[in-house]
């Protein structure tokens, strides 16, 4: 998972979305990196994989914890306190800017820069209507919502489409391990009857809309897990973790789609030909985004670290 989400094999590295947020930023009042999927009450052991770490807190994802398929779906970060209008918020912002001028004269470290950037970005998101409209799924026709599926995965994918249309450069939809999970260590048949149809409706609807709405050149969709599953069923009628082989789906991005690249042995044990790595997928992603994966950023120790140390663009897709 660390390699898939950060492009690095060790922990506490910036997520790819955080790199994109720093390099590309958002358009206008939209957050540059949005993460959908983890319920706020869940045991968020994987959250560090998606954070900005040494890039600074301004480039952490904008988290949406609520289930967008629920009747009470809210994005709390976009709600103004009762009685506080946008005009009053701007008055307070002007006062805050005056106070901060003095502080900034004495402070020039990265943390202060990060906080200042974060405050400015948060103000733009909260004070403008663009973000609130993009997150408002009630603006979608009912048949469109039903096409994606009225469940967390389906509505999250629909929300992701709305966000990229509104100018968000990077969206992660996490098919979390806390509801109809693919982490099926037991009863894989029953688990697939639950998770399979939800994924089918969510992903197929998203792919169809990317192409029907003319987004297939602009938006690259990557669907992957952090590893495969054991070729053999275990004693609990499930499948366990299996690193040697996995599958990845790519769509849009102006790529030559409709092909299968590489293969595994007949039992799905190991790659048979044209083995690829997560680094290759990320190199292809960065190419689509117009980002040089050899670009460096300084870590906490002041060392320049590349976005990717390994990986080549998947040539068959170009």
Protein backbone atom coordinates (compact mmCIF):
# COMPACT_ATOMS: atom_id res chain seq x y z
CA UNK A 1 0.00 0.00 0.00
CA UNK A 2 2.85 2.41 0.73
CA UNK A 3 4.20 1.96 -2.78
CA UNK A 4 0.79 2.39 -4.43
CA UNK A 5 -0.15 5.50 -2.47
CA UNK A 6 3.23 7.24 -2.27
CA UNK A 7 5.58 5.72 -4.82
CA UNK A 8 7.98 4.85 -2.01
CA UNK A 9 8.65 1.61 -0.16
CA UNK A 10 9.12 3.19 3.27
CA UNK A 11 6.61 4.83 5.59
CA UNK A 12 5.87 8.50 6.26
CA UNK A 13 6.30 9.68 2.68
CA UNK A 14 3.96 12.17 0.98
CA UNK A 15 1.03 10.67 -0.88
CA UNK A 16 0.89 11.10 -4.63
CA UNK A 17 -2.19 13.29 -4.15
CA UNK A 18 -0.22 15.58 -1.84
CA UNK A 19 2.54 15.93 -4.44
CA UNK A 20 -0.07 16.82 -7.06
CA UNK A 21 -1.72 19.29 -4.66
CA UNK A 22 1.60 21.09 -4.14
CA UNK A 23 2.59 21.10 -7.81
CA UNK A 24 -0.73 21.71 -9.53
CA UNK A 25 -2.93 23.29 -6.82
CA UNK A 26 -6.68 23.64 -7.28
CA UNK A 27 -8.68 25.87 -9.57
CA UNK A 28 -10.20 28.86 -7.80
CA UNK A 29 -12.01 27.85 -4.66
CA UNK A 30 -11.67 24.08 -5.03
CA UNK A 31 -9.43 21.98 -2.75
CA UNK A 32 -6.55 20.44 -4.73
CA UNK A 33 -6.74 16.93 -3.22
CA UNK A 34 -9.89 15.23 -1.96
CA UNK A 35 -10.16 11.87 -0.20
CA UNK A 36 -13.50 10.06 -0.09
CA UNK A 37 -14.25 6.83 1.69
CA UNK A 38 -13.16 6.36 5.29
CA UNK A 39 -15.96 6.78 7.86
CA UNK A 40 -14.87 9.15 10.63
CA UNK A 41 -15.63 6.48 13.24
CA UNK A 42 -13.44 3.85 11.59
CA UNK A 43 -10.05 2.73 12.83
CA UNK A 44 -8.07 4.87 10.41
CA UNK A 45 -4.84 2.89 10.46
CA UNK A 46 -4.21 3.57 6.78
CA UNK A 47 -4.77 7.33 6.86
CA UNK A 48 -1.01 8.19 7.09
CA UNK A 49 -0.59 6.67 3.62
CA UNK A 50 -2.65 9.51 2.14
CA UNK A 51 -1.11 12.47 4.00
CA UNK A 52 1.44 15.11 3.00
CA UNK A 53 4.09 14.51 5.73
CA UNK A 54 7.19 16.66 5.01
CA UNK A 55 5.42 18.69 2.28
CA UNK A 56 3.41 20.46 4.99
CA UNK A 57 -0.14 20.18 6.30
CA UNK A 58 -1.54 22.48 3.61
CA UNK A 59 -1.28 19.55 1.18
CA UNK A 60 -3.10 16.94 3.26
CA UNK A 61 -6.29 15.71 1.61
CA UNK A 62 -9.65 17.37 2.11
CA UNK A 63 -11.41 14.47 3.87
CA UNK A 64 -15.06 13.62 3.31
CA UNK A 65 -16.07 11.03 5.91
CA UNK A 66 -19.85 10.97 5.49
CA UNK A 67 -21.53 8.42 3.22
CA UNK A 68 -22.70 10.39 0.16
CA UNK A 69 -25.47 7.81 -0.34
CA UNK A 70 -26.95 8.66 3.07
CA UNK A 71 -29.88 10.97 3.72
CA UNK A 72 -27.80 13.13 6.09
CA UNK A 73 -24.71 13.51 3.91
CA UNK A 74 -22.84 16.67 4.88
CA UNK A 75 -19.41 18.11 4.22
CA UNK A 76 -18.82 19.87 7.57
CA UNK A 77 -15.83 21.87 6.33
CA UNK A 78 -18.14 23.70 3.91
CA UNK A 79 -20.75 24.74 6.49
CA UNK A 80 -20.67 28.29 7.87
CA UNK A 81 -21.48 28.76 11.55
CA UNK A 82 -25.09 29.81 12.12
CA UNK A 83 -25.45 33.56 11.69
CA UNK A 84 -22.10 33.98 9.92
CA UNK A 85 -22.59 35.23 6.36
CA UNK A 86 -19.97 35.30 3.62
CA UNK A 87 -19.69 39.10 3.98
CA UNK A 88 -19.03 38.85 7.72
CA UNK A 89 -16.52 36.08 7.05
CA UNK A 90 -14.64 38.35 4.62
CA UNK A 91 -14.58 41.16 7.23
CA UNK A 92 -13.03 38.74 9.73
CA UNK A 93 -10.55 37.57 7.10
CA UNK A 94 -9.38 41.17 6.52
CA UNK A 95 -8.85 41.66 10.25
CA UNK A 96 -6.98 38.37 10.50
CA UNK A 97 -4.71 39.38 7.61
CA UNK A 98 -3.76 42.62 9.38
CA UNK A 99 -2.89 40.77 12.59
CA UNK A 100 -0.93 38.11 10.72
CA UNK A 101 1.24 40.67 8.92
CA UNK A 102 3.13 41.37 12.12
CA UNK A 103 3.60 37.68 12.90
CA UNK A 104 4.85 36.87 9.40
CA UNK A 105 7.58 39.49 9.69
CA UNK A 106 9.13 37.42 12.47
CA UNK A 107 8.40 33.94 11.14
CA UNK A 108 9.63 32.44 7.89
CA UNK A 109 9.76 28.69 8.51
CA UNK A 110 7.91 26.07 6.48
CA UNK A 111 5.28 25.40 9.14
CA UNK A 112 4.17 29.04 9.13
CA UNK A 113 4.09 29.03 5.33
CA UNK A 114 1.99 25.85 5.40
CA UNK A 115 -0.48 27.28 7.91
CA UNK A 116 -0.81 30.52 5.95
CA UNK A 117 -1.44 28.62 2.70
CA UNK A 118 -3.92 26.33 4.43
CA UNK A 119 -5.81 29.26 5.97
CA UNK A 120 -6.03 31.06 2.64
CA UNK A 121 -7.19 27.93 0.82
CA UNK A 122 -9.75 27.08 3.50
CA UNK A 123 -11.18 30.59 3.34
CA UNK A 124 -11.58 30.40 -0.43
CA UNK A 125 -13.36 27.06 -0.17
CA UNK A 126 -15.75 28.07 2.62
CA UNK A 127 -16.56 31.57 1.35
CA UNK A 128 -17.36 30.67 -2.26
CA UNK A 129 -20.28 28.69 -3.70
CA UNK A 130 -18.28 26.61 -6.18
CA UNK A 131 -17.17 23.90 -3.77
CA UNK A 132 -20.58 23.62 -2.11
CA UNK A 133 -22.21 23.17 -5.50
CA UNK A 134 -19.68 20.53 -6.57
CA UNK A 135 -20.29 18.49 -3.41
CA UNK A 136 -24.10 18.75 -3.79
CA UNK A 137 -25.24 15.45 -5.25
CA UNK A 138 -28.87 16.61 -5.22
CA UNK A 139 -28.02 18.51 -8.40
CA UNK A 140 -27.67 15.19 -10.22
CA UNK A 141 -30.62 13.51 -11.90
CA UNK A 142 -32.01 10.57 -9.97
CA UNK A 143 -31.40 8.14 -12.84
CA UNK A 144 -27.72 9.12 -12.86
CA UNK A 145 -27.40 8.48 -9.14
CA UNK A 146 -29.13 5.11 -9.52
CA UNK A 147 -26.81 4.20 -12.40
CA UNK A 148 -23.78 4.55 -10.13
CA UNK A 149 -25.56 2.67 -7.33
CA UNK A 150 -27.13 4.10 -4.18
CA UNK A 151 -24.30 3.00 -1.91
CA UNK A 152 -21.09 4.59 -0.60
CA UNK A 153 -18.88 3.36 -3.43
CA UNK A 154 -21.26 4.38 -6.22
CA UNK A 155 -22.07 7.82 -4.87
CA UNK A 156 -18.40 8.45 -4.03
CA UNK A 157 -17.47 7.76 -7.67
CA UNK A 158 -20.23 10.10 -8.84
CA UNK A 159 -18.97 12.74 -6.43
CA UNK A 160 -15.43 12.23 -7.75
CA UNK A 161 -16.66 12.94 -11.29
CA UNK A 162 -18.32 16.15 -10.10
CA UNK A 163 -15.17 17.24 -8.30
CA UNK A 164 -12.80 16.77 -11.24
CA UNK A 165 -15.26 18.62 -13.47
CA UNK A 166 -15.16 21.49 -10.97
CA UNK A 167 -11.36 21.62 -11.09
CA UNK A 168 -10.02 19.29 -8.39
CA UNK A 169 -6.77 17.82 -9.79
CA UNK A 170 -6.64 14.67 -7.63
CA UNK A 171 -9.41 12.61 -6.02
CA UNK A 172 -9.01 9.34 -4.14
CA UNK A 173 -12.07 7.14 -3.64
CA UNK A 174 -11.24 4.58 -0.97
CA UNK A 175 -13.33 1.42 -1.11
CA UNK A 176 -12.79 1.16 2.61
CA UNK A 177 -12.28 -2.08 4.59
CA UNK A 178 -15.20 -1.40 6.92
CA UNK A 179 -18.18 -2.09 4.67
CA UNK A 180 -18.61 -4.82 2.03
CA UNK A 181 -14.84 -5.20 1.94
CA UNK A 182 -12.59 -7.02 -0.51
CA UNK A 183 -10.42 -8.14 2.42
CA UNK A 184 -12.09 -11.57 2.32
CA UNK A 185 -10.09 -13.88 4.55
CA UNK A 186 -13.24 -15.97 4.98
CA UNK A 187 -16.37 -16.64 2.90
CA UNK A 188 -15.02 -15.12 -0.31
CA UNK A 189 -18.10 -16.28 -2.24
CA UNK A 190 -20.48 -14.40 0.04
CA UNK A 191 -18.19 -11.40 0.15
CA UNK A 192 -18.05 -11.15 -3.63
CA UNK A 193 -21.85 -11.37 -3.87
CA UNK A 194 -21.91 -8.23 -1.72
CA UNK A 195 -18.90 -6.26 -2.96
CA UNK A 196 -18.79 -7.30 -6.63
CA UNK A 197 -22.06 -5.72 -7.83
CA UNK A 198 -21.32 -2.49 -5.94
CA UNK A 199 -17.93 -2.15 -7.56
CA UNK A 200 -19.32 -3.08 -10.98
CA UNK A 201 -21.98 -0.36 -10.88
CA UNK A 202 -19.66 2.31 -9.48
CA UNK A 203 -16.70 1.79 -11.80
CA UNK A 204 -18.63 1.05 -15.01
CA UNK A 205 -20.84 4.13 -14.54
CA UNK A 206 -17.78 6.31 -13.90
CA UNK A 207 -15.99 5.02 -17.01
CA UNK A 208 -19.11 5.52 -19.14
CA UNK A 209 -19.53 9.10 -17.92
CA UNK A 210 -15.88 10.01 -18.39
CA UNK A 211 -16.26 9.17 -22.07
CA UNK A 212 -19.82 10.42 -22.63
CA UNK A 213 -19.03 13.78 -21.01
CA UNK A 214 -15.79 14.28 -22.95
CA UNK A 215 -13.57 13.84 -19.90
CA UNK A 216 -11.65 10.82 -21.17
CA UNK A 217 -8.67 12.89 -22.37
CA UNK A 218 -8.54 15.08 -19.29
CA UNK A 219 -9.16 12.52 -16.54
CA UNK A 220 -7.14 9.38 -15.88
CA UNK A 221 -8.88 6.75 -13.76
CA UNK A 222 -6.76 4.20 -11.88
CA UNK A 223 -8.48 1.32 -10.10
CA UNK A 224 -6.23 -0.86 -8.00
CA UNK A 225 -5.70 -2.54 -4.68
CA UNK A 226 -2.55 -2.74 -2.63
CA UNK A 227 -1.93 -6.41 -3.52
CA UNK A 228 -3.57 -9.46 -5.02
CA UNK A 229 -5.15 -12.46 -3.31
CA UNK A 230 -3.90 -16.00 -2.81
CA UNK A 231 -4.52 -18.34 -5.76
CA UNK A 232 -5.87 -21.00 -3.40
CA UNK A 233 -8.88 -20.83 -1.10
CA UNK A 234 -7.87 -21.07 2.57
CA UNK A 235 -9.43 -23.23 5.29
CA UNK A 236 -11.96 -20.47 6.07
CA UNK A 237 -13.23 -20.41 2.48
CA UNK A 238 -11.46 -17.09 1.89
CA UNK A 239 -8.39 -15.65 0.22
CA UNK A 240 -5.41 -14.07 1.98
CA UNK A 241 -2.90 -11.39 0.96
CA UNK A 242 -0.73 -12.15 -2.06
CA UNK A 243 1.98 -9.80 -3.24
CA UNK A 244 3.42 -11.66 -6.25
CA UNK A 245 0.64 -10.75 -8.73
CA UNK A 246 -2.26 -8.30 -8.92
CA UNK A 247 -4.39 -6.52 -11.52
CA UNK A 248 -4.82 -2.81 -12.28
CA UNK A 249 -7.44 -1.07 -14.42
CA UNK A 250 -6.69 2.21 -16.21
CA UNK A 251 -9.24 4.21 -18.18
CA UNK A 252 -9.32 7.60 -19.89
CA UNK A 253 -6.24 9.79 -19.78
CA UNK A 254 -6.05 9.77 -23.57
CA UNK A 255 -4.58 6.27 -23.32
CA UNK A 256 -4.92 3.38 -25.78
CA UNK A 257 -7.44 1.43 -23.74
CA UNK A 258 -9.24 -1.82 -24.54
CA UNK A 259 -6.18 -4.01 -24.13
CA UNK A 260 -4.66 -6.36 -21.59
CA UNK A 261 -0.97 -5.85 -20.89
CA UNK A 262 0.94 -8.75 -19.36
CA UNK A 263 -0.36 -12.04 -17.99
CA UNK A 264 -0.01 -14.36 -15.05
CA UNK A 265 0.50 -18.08 -14.88
CA UNK A 266 -2.67 -20.12 -15.39
CA UNK A 267 -3.40 -20.30 -11.66
CA UNK A 268 -2.74 -16.61 -11.01
CA UNK A 269 0.39 -17.29 -9.00
CA UNK A 270 3.09 -15.03 -10.52
CA UNK A 271 3.55 -12.88 -13.64
CA UNK A 272 4.14 -14.86 -16.81
CA UNK A 273 5.10 -12.11 -19.26
CA UNK A 274 5.52 -8.31 -19.29
CA UNK A 275 5.64 -7.89 -15.51
CA UNK A 276 4.89 -4.33 -14.40
CA UNK A 277 5.12 -2.65 -11.01
CA UNK A 278 3.14 0.03 -9.16
CA UNK A 279 6.03 2.38 -9.97
CA UNK A 280 5.24 1.98 -13.69
CA UNK A 281 1.58 2.83 -13.08
CA UNK A 282 2.56 5.95 -11.13
CA UNK A 283 5.07 7.00 -13.79
CA UNK A 284 2.25 6.78 -16.33
CA UNK A 285 -0.01 8.79 -14.03
CA UNK A 286 2.56 11.56 -13.56
CA UNK A 287 3.08 11.74 -17.34
CA UNK A 288 -0.65 12.30 -17.81
CA UNK A 289 -0.57 15.08 -15.21
CA UNK A 290 2.40 16.74 -16.87
CA UNK A 291 4.61 16.18 -13.82
CA UNK A 292 8.26 15.11 -14.03
CA UNK A 293 8.64 12.18 -11.58
CA UNK A 294 12.30 13.16 -11.15
CA UNK A 295 11.22 16.41 -9.50
CA UNK A 296 12.56 16.68 -5.94
CA UNK A 297 11.31 18.10 -2.66
CA UNK A 298 13.22 18.53 0.58
CA UNK A 299 12.34 16.20 3.46
CA UNK A 300 12.55 17.18 7.15
CA UNK A 301 16.31 16.61 7.09
CA UNK A 302 16.78 18.86 4.06
CA UNK A 303 17.50 15.99 1.68
CA UNK A 304 16.14 16.29 -1.87
CA UNK A 305 13.88 13.31 -2.60
CA UNK A 306 12.37 12.45 -5.98
CA UNK A 307 8.69 11.78 -6.53
CA UNK A 308 9.70 8.40 -7.98
CA UNK A 309 13.00 6.55 -7.78
CA UNK A 310 11.85 3.76 -10.09
CA UNK A 311 9.33 3.01 -12.82
CA UNK A 312 8.82 3.67 -16.52
CA UNK A 313 5.79 4.90 -18.47
CA UNK A 314 3.81 1.91 -19.80
CA UNK A 315 4.59 2.30 -23.50
CA UNK A 316 1.72 0.14 -24.79
CA UNK A 317 -0.78 2.68 -23.44
CA UNK A 318 0.61 5.62 -25.44
